[in-house]
Amino acid sequence: MADVNYQQYAKDIAEEIVFRDIGPDDDPEERVYDLAHEYADGSEHVIYYYKAHQFLGWLDARTIEYIEGEIEAGGSFVGYNDLASRISFYALRDMITSEALTLLQNSES
């Protein structure tokens, strides 16, 4: 398994969003959600199946099961690799969003 600190990876992206990407005229919270989606969607841990499977190996099984259930609730069947990428996307997006919103709250205090 790759030696990747996924939590730090998400935190680094969150810092980039909060301290570089949010403009003075932006709604900060809305921008966090939009940019977390974009960063996760373009992440190598989502677009490359091998890396998506590595990320899933790191994720808590309850997180995987929850996200898998949400994907299946959408009614579409996806293959093994596509499912891994989708779960990776949602998990990474949520991690980035959580980190960025925490940074926003702390910077406003």
N, C-alpha and C. Protein backbone atom coordinates (compact mmCIF):
# COMPACT_ATOMS: atom_id res chain seq x y z
N MET A 1 0.84 -1.18 0.00
CA MET A 1 0.00 0.00 0.00
C MET A 1 0.88 1.24 0.00
N ALA A 2 0.44 2.24 -0.68
CA ALA A 2 1.20 3.48 -0.77
C ALA A 2 1.31 4.15 0.59
N ASP A 3 2.41 4.83 0.78
CA ASP A 3 2.64 5.53 2.05
C ASP A 3 2.12 6.96 1.91
N VAL A 4 0.80 7.09 1.92
CA VAL A 4 0.15 8.39 1.74
C VAL A 4 -0.60 8.73 3.01
N ASN A 5 -0.43 9.96 3.48
CA ASN A 5 -1.21 10.45 4.61
C ASN A 5 -2.43 11.16 4.02
N TYR A 6 -3.52 10.43 3.87
CA TYR A 6 -4.70 10.97 3.20
C TYR A 6 -5.31 12.14 3.97
N GLN A 7 -5.25 12.07 5.28
CA GLN A 7 -5.80 13.18 6.08
C GLN A 7 -5.01 14.46 5.83
N GLN A 8 -3.68 14.33 5.77
CA GLN A 8 -2.85 15.50 5.50
C GLN A 8 -3.07 15.99 4.07
N TYR A 9 -3.26 15.07 3.14
CA TYR A 9 -3.55 15.42 1.74
C TYR A 9 -4.81 16.28 1.67
N ALA A 10 -5.87 15.84 2.36
CA ALA A 10 -7.12 16.61 2.39
C ALA A 10 -6.93 17.96 3.07
N LYS A 11 -6.15 17.97 4.15
CA LYS A 11 -5.90 19.23 4.88
C LYS A 11 -5.12 20.21 4.01
N ASP A 12 -4.13 19.73 3.26
CA ASP A 12 -3.35 20.60 2.37
C ASP A 12 -4.24 21.23 1.30
N ILE A 13 -5.15 20.43 0.75
CA ILE A 13 -6.07 20.97 -0.26
C ILE A 13 -7.01 21.98 0.39
N ALA A 14 -7.49 21.68 1.58
CA ALA A 14 -8.39 22.60 2.30
C ALA A 14 -7.70 23.94 2.54
N GLU A 15 -6.44 23.90 2.94
CA GLU A 15 -5.70 25.15 3.16
C GLU A 15 -5.57 25.94 1.87
N GLU A 16 -5.34 25.25 0.77
CA GLU A 16 -5.25 25.93 -0.52
C GLU A 16 -6.58 26.60 -0.86
N ILE A 17 -7.67 25.90 -0.60
CA ILE A 17 -8.99 26.46 -0.87
C ILE A 17 -9.23 27.70 -0.02
N VAL A 18 -9.03 27.58 1.28
CA VAL A 18 -9.38 28.66 2.21
C VAL A 18 -8.45 29.86 2.07
N PHE A 19 -7.16 29.60 1.92
CA PHE A 19 -6.20 30.70 1.95
C PHE A 19 -5.78 31.21 0.57
N ARG A 20 -6.17 30.51 -0.50
CA ARG A 20 -5.78 30.97 -1.82
C ARG A 20 -6.95 31.12 -2.78
N ASP A 21 -7.88 30.18 -2.74
CA ASP A 21 -8.90 30.12 -3.78
C ASP A 21 -10.17 30.92 -3.49
N ILE A 22 -10.45 31.23 -2.25
CA ILE A 22 -11.66 31.98 -1.93
C ILE A 22 -11.38 33.47 -2.07
N GLY A 23 -12.16 34.11 -2.93
CA GLY A 23 -11.98 35.53 -3.18
C GLY A 23 -12.79 36.38 -2.22
N PRO A 24 -12.51 37.68 -2.17
CA PRO A 24 -13.20 38.57 -1.23
C PRO A 24 -14.70 38.71 -1.52
N ASP A 25 -15.10 38.49 -2.78
CA ASP A 25 -16.51 38.63 -3.13
C ASP A 25 -17.26 37.30 -3.11
N ASP A 26 -16.57 36.22 -2.77
CA ASP A 26 -17.18 34.89 -2.76
C ASP A 26 -17.95 34.65 -1.48
N ASP A 27 -18.96 33.80 -1.58
CA ASP A 27 -19.60 33.23 -0.39
C ASP A 27 -18.68 32.09 0.04
N PRO A 28 -17.95 32.26 1.14
CA PRO A 28 -16.90 31.30 1.49
C PRO A 28 -17.38 29.85 1.61
N GLU A 29 -18.51 29.64 2.26
CA GLU A 29 -18.99 28.28 2.45
C GLU A 29 -19.38 27.64 1.12
N GLU A 30 -20.06 28.40 0.28
CA GLU A 30 -20.45 27.88 -1.03
C GLU A 30 -19.21 27.53 -1.86
N ARG A 31 -18.21 28.39 -1.79
CA ARG A 31 -16.95 28.17 -2.52
C ARG A 31 -16.25 26.92 -2.02
N VAL A 32 -16.29 26.68 -0.71
CA VAL A 32 -15.66 25.47 -0.15
C VAL A 32 -16.30 24.23 -0.78
N TYR A 33 -17.61 24.18 -0.81
CA TYR A 33 -18.30 23.01 -1.37
C TYR A 33 -17.96 22.84 -2.85
N ASP A 34 -17.99 23.93 -3.60
CA ASP A 34 -17.68 23.85 -5.04
C ASP A 34 -16.25 23.38 -5.29
N LEU A 35 -15.31 23.98 -4.57
CA LEU A 35 -13.91 23.66 -4.81
C LEU A 35 -13.52 22.29 -4.26
N ALA A 36 -14.10 21.88 -3.16
CA ALA A 36 -13.83 20.54 -2.65
C ALA A 36 -14.27 19.50 -3.68
N HIS A 37 -15.41 19.75 -4.31
CA HIS A 37 -15.90 18.87 -5.38
C HIS A 37 -14.88 18.83 -6.53
N GLU A 38 -14.43 19.99 -6.96
CA GLU A 38 -13.49 20.07 -8.09
C GLU A 38 -12.16 19.39 -7.77
N TYR A 39 -11.61 19.67 -6.60
CA TYR A 39 -10.33 19.07 -6.23
C TYR A 39 -10.45 17.55 -6.11
N ALA A 40 -11.51 17.08 -5.48
CA ALA A 40 -11.69 15.63 -5.34
C ALA A 40 -11.88 14.98 -6.70
N ASP A 41 -12.67 15.62 -7.55
CA ASP A 41 -12.96 15.07 -8.87
C ASP A 41 -11.69 14.92 -9.72
N GLY A 42 -10.72 15.79 -9.52
CA GLY A 42 -9.49 15.73 -10.29
C GLY A 42 -8.35 15.02 -9.60
N SER A 43 -8.58 14.49 -8.42
CA SER A 43 -7.52 13.86 -7.64
C SER A 43 -7.09 12.53 -8.24
N GLU A 44 -5.80 12.29 -8.20
CA GLU A 44 -5.27 11.00 -8.67
C GLU A 44 -5.82 9.85 -7.84
N HIS A 45 -6.24 10.12 -6.61
CA HIS A 45 -6.79 9.08 -5.74
C HIS A 45 -8.22 8.72 -6.11
N VAL A 46 -8.77 9.44 -7.07
CA VAL A 46 -10.11 9.17 -7.56
C VAL A 46 -10.05 8.67 -9.01
N ILE A 47 -9.25 9.32 -9.84
CA ILE A 47 -9.29 9.00 -11.28
C ILE A 47 -8.49 7.76 -11.67
N TYR A 48 -7.53 7.37 -10.86
CA TYR A 48 -6.77 6.15 -11.15
C TYR A 48 -7.28 5.02 -10.27
N TYR A 49 -7.79 3.97 -10.89
CA TYR A 49 -8.40 2.87 -10.14
C TYR A 49 -7.47 2.31 -9.07
N TYR A 50 -6.22 2.10 -9.42
CA TYR A 50 -5.27 1.53 -8.47
C TYR A 50 -5.17 2.40 -7.21
N LYS A 51 -5.08 3.70 -7.41
CA LYS A 51 -4.97 4.62 -6.26
C LYS A 51 -6.29 4.71 -5.50
N ALA A 52 -7.39 4.60 -6.22
CA ALA A 52 -8.70 4.60 -5.55
C ALA A 52 -8.81 3.38 -4.63
N HIS A 53 -8.35 2.24 -5.11
CA HIS A 53 -8.40 1.03 -4.27
C HIS A 53 -7.47 1.17 -3.07
N GLN A 54 -6.32 1.81 -3.25
CA GLN A 54 -5.42 2.05 -2.12
C GLN A 54 -6.10 2.95 -1.07
N PHE A 55 -6.76 3.98 -1.54
CA PHE A 55 -7.47 4.90 -0.64
C PHE A 55 -8.56 4.15 0.12
N LEU A 56 -9.29 3.29 -0.57
CA LEU A 56 -10.32 2.51 0.10
C LEU A 56 -9.72 1.58 1.15
N GLY A 57 -8.51 1.12 0.91
CA GLY A 57 -7.84 0.29 1.91
C GLY A 57 -7.55 1.05 3.18
N TRP A 58 -7.44 2.36 3.08
CA TRP A 58 -7.18 3.22 4.24
C TRP A 58 -8.47 3.63 4.94
N LEU A 59 -9.55 3.81 4.17
CA LEU A 59 -10.81 4.30 4.74
C LEU A 59 -11.42 3.32 5.73
N ASP A 60 -12.14 3.85 6.67
CA ASP A 60 -12.89 3.05 7.63
C ASP A 60 -14.00 2.30 6.88
N ALA A 61 -14.20 1.04 7.22
CA ALA A 61 -15.20 0.21 6.54
C ALA A 61 -16.61 0.81 6.64
N ARG A 62 -16.92 1.47 7.75
CA ARG A 62 -18.25 2.08 7.90
C ARG A 62 -18.45 3.22 6.90
N THR A 63 -17.39 3.97 6.64
CA THR A 63 -17.47 5.05 5.65
C THR A 63 -17.72 4.47 4.27
N ILE A 64 -16.98 3.42 3.95
CA ILE A 64 -17.13 2.77 2.64
C ILE A 64 -18.56 2.24 2.49
N GLU A 65 -19.05 1.54 3.49
CA GLU A 65 -20.40 0.98 3.42
C GLU A 65 -21.46 2.07 3.28
N TYR A 66 -21.31 3.15 4.01
CA TYR A 66 -22.27 4.24 3.93
C TYR A 66 -22.30 4.84 2.52
N ILE A 67 -21.13 5.17 1.99
CA ILE A 67 -21.06 5.79 0.67
C ILE A 67 -21.54 4.82 -0.40
N GLU A 68 -21.16 3.55 -0.28
CA GLU A 68 -21.61 2.55 -1.24
C GLU A 68 -23.14 2.47 -1.24
N GLY A 69 -23.74 2.53 -0.07
CA GLY A 69 -25.20 2.51 0.03
C GLY A 69 -25.83 3.72 -0.64
N GLU A 70 -25.21 4.88 -0.47
CA GLU A 70 -25.72 6.10 -1.11
C GLU A 70 -25.63 5.99 -2.64
N ILE A 71 -24.54 5.43 -3.13
CA ILE A 71 -24.37 5.27 -4.58
C ILE A 71 -25.41 4.29 -5.11
N GLU A 72 -25.58 3.17 -4.43
CA GLU A 72 -26.55 2.17 -4.87
C GLU A 72 -27.98 2.69 -4.77
N ALA A 73 -28.24 3.58 -3.83
CA ALA A 73 -29.58 4.17 -3.69
C ALA A 73 -29.94 4.99 -4.91
N GLY A 74 -28.92 5.45 -5.64
CA GLY A 74 -29.16 6.20 -6.87
C GLY A 74 -29.70 5.34 -7.99
N GLY A 75 -29.63 4.01 -7.80
CA GLY A 75 -30.27 3.12 -8.75
C GLY A 75 -29.42 2.67 -9.92
N SER A 76 -28.17 3.08 -9.96
CA SER A 76 -27.36 2.67 -11.10
C SER A 76 -26.31 1.65 -10.65
N PHE A 77 -26.13 0.63 -11.46
CA PHE A 77 -25.11 -0.37 -11.17
C PHE A 77 -23.79 0.10 -11.75
N VAL A 78 -22.74 -0.02 -10.97
CA VAL A 78 -21.41 0.32 -11.46
C VAL A 78 -20.49 -0.86 -11.21
N GLY A 79 -19.45 -0.97 -12.00
CA GLY A 79 -18.49 -2.05 -11.84
C GLY A 79 -17.59 -1.82 -10.65
N TYR A 80 -16.77 -2.80 -10.39
CA TYR A 80 -15.87 -2.82 -9.24
C TYR A 80 -14.96 -1.59 -9.21
N ASN A 81 -14.27 -1.29 -10.30
CA ASN A 81 -13.35 -0.16 -10.33
C ASN A 81 -14.08 1.18 -10.28
N ASP A 82 -15.19 1.27 -10.99
CA ASP A 82 -15.97 2.52 -10.96
C ASP A 82 -16.51 2.79 -9.56
N LEU A 83 -16.93 1.74 -8.89
CA LEU A 83 -17.43 1.90 -7.52
C LEU A 83 -16.31 2.40 -6.61
N ALA A 84 -15.11 1.84 -6.76
CA ALA A 84 -13.98 2.29 -5.95
C ALA A 84 -13.70 3.77 -6.19
N SER A 85 -13.75 4.20 -7.44
CA SER A 85 -13.50 5.62 -7.76
C SER A 85 -14.59 6.51 -7.20
N ARG A 86 -15.82 6.07 -7.29
CA ARG A 86 -16.92 6.89 -6.76
C ARG A 86 -16.85 7.01 -5.24
N ILE A 87 -16.58 5.91 -4.58
CA ILE A 87 -16.45 5.96 -3.12
C ILE A 87 -15.29 6.87 -2.75
N SER A 88 -14.17 6.75 -3.46
CA SER A 88 -13.01 7.60 -3.20
C SER A 88 -13.36 9.07 -3.39
N PHE A 89 -14.10 9.37 -4.45
CA PHE A 89 -14.49 10.76 -4.70
C PHE A 89 -15.28 11.33 -3.53
N TYR A 90 -16.35 10.63 -3.15
CA TYR A 90 -17.21 11.16 -2.10
C TYR A 90 -16.48 11.27 -0.76
N ALA A 91 -15.67 10.27 -0.44
CA ALA A 91 -14.93 10.31 0.82
C ALA A 91 -13.93 11.45 0.83
N LEU A 92 -13.18 11.59 -0.25
CA LEU A 92 -12.18 12.66 -0.32
C LEU A 92 -12.84 14.03 -0.33
N ARG A 93 -13.93 14.17 -1.07
CA ARG A 93 -14.66 15.45 -1.08
C ARG A 93 -15.12 15.81 0.32
N ASP A 94 -15.65 14.83 1.04
CA ASP A 94 -16.13 15.10 2.39
C ASP A 94 -14.98 15.46 3.33
N MET A 95 -13.83 14.79 3.18
CA MET A 95 -12.68 15.10 4.02
C MET A 95 -12.18 16.52 3.76
N ILE A 96 -12.07 16.89 2.48
CA ILE A 96 -11.61 18.23 2.12
C ILE A 96 -12.60 19.28 2.65
N THR A 97 -13.88 19.04 2.42
CA THR A 97 -14.91 19.99 2.87
C THR A 97 -14.85 20.18 4.38
N SER A 98 -14.75 19.10 5.11
CA SER A 98 -14.70 19.18 6.57
C SER A 98 -13.48 19.98 7.04
N GLU A 99 -12.33 19.69 6.47
CA GLU A 99 -11.11 20.42 6.84
C GLU A 99 -11.23 21.91 6.50
N ALA A 100 -11.75 22.21 5.31
CA ALA A 100 -11.86 23.60 4.87
C ALA A 100 -12.86 24.38 5.72
N LEU A 101 -13.99 23.78 6.05
CA LEU A 101 -14.97 24.47 6.88
C LEU A 101 -14.43 24.73 8.28
N THR A 102 -13.65 23.79 8.80
CA THR A 102 -13.01 23.99 10.10
C THR A 102 -12.03 25.16 10.03
N LEU A 103 -11.23 25.20 8.97
CA LEU A 103 -10.30 26.32 8.79
C LEU A 103 -11.03 27.65 8.68
N LEU A 104 -12.14 27.66 7.95
CA LEU A 104 -12.95 28.89 7.82
C LEU A 104 -13.44 29.35 9.18
N GLN A 105 -14.00 28.43 9.94
CA GLN A 105 -14.53 28.79 11.26
C GLN A 105 -13.41 29.32 12.17
N ASN A 106 -12.25 28.67 12.12
CA ASN A 106 -11.14 29.11 12.97
C ASN A 106 -10.58 30.45 12.53
N SER A 107 -10.60 30.73 11.23
CA SER A 107 -10.06 32.00 10.75
C SER A 107 -11.03 33.16 11.02
N GLU A 108 -12.31 32.85 11.19
CA GLU A 108 -13.31 33.89 11.47
C GLU A 108 -13.35 34.22 12.96
N SER A 109 -12.81 33.34 13.79
CA SER A 109 -12.86 33.55 15.24
C SER A 109 -11.85 34.58 15.68
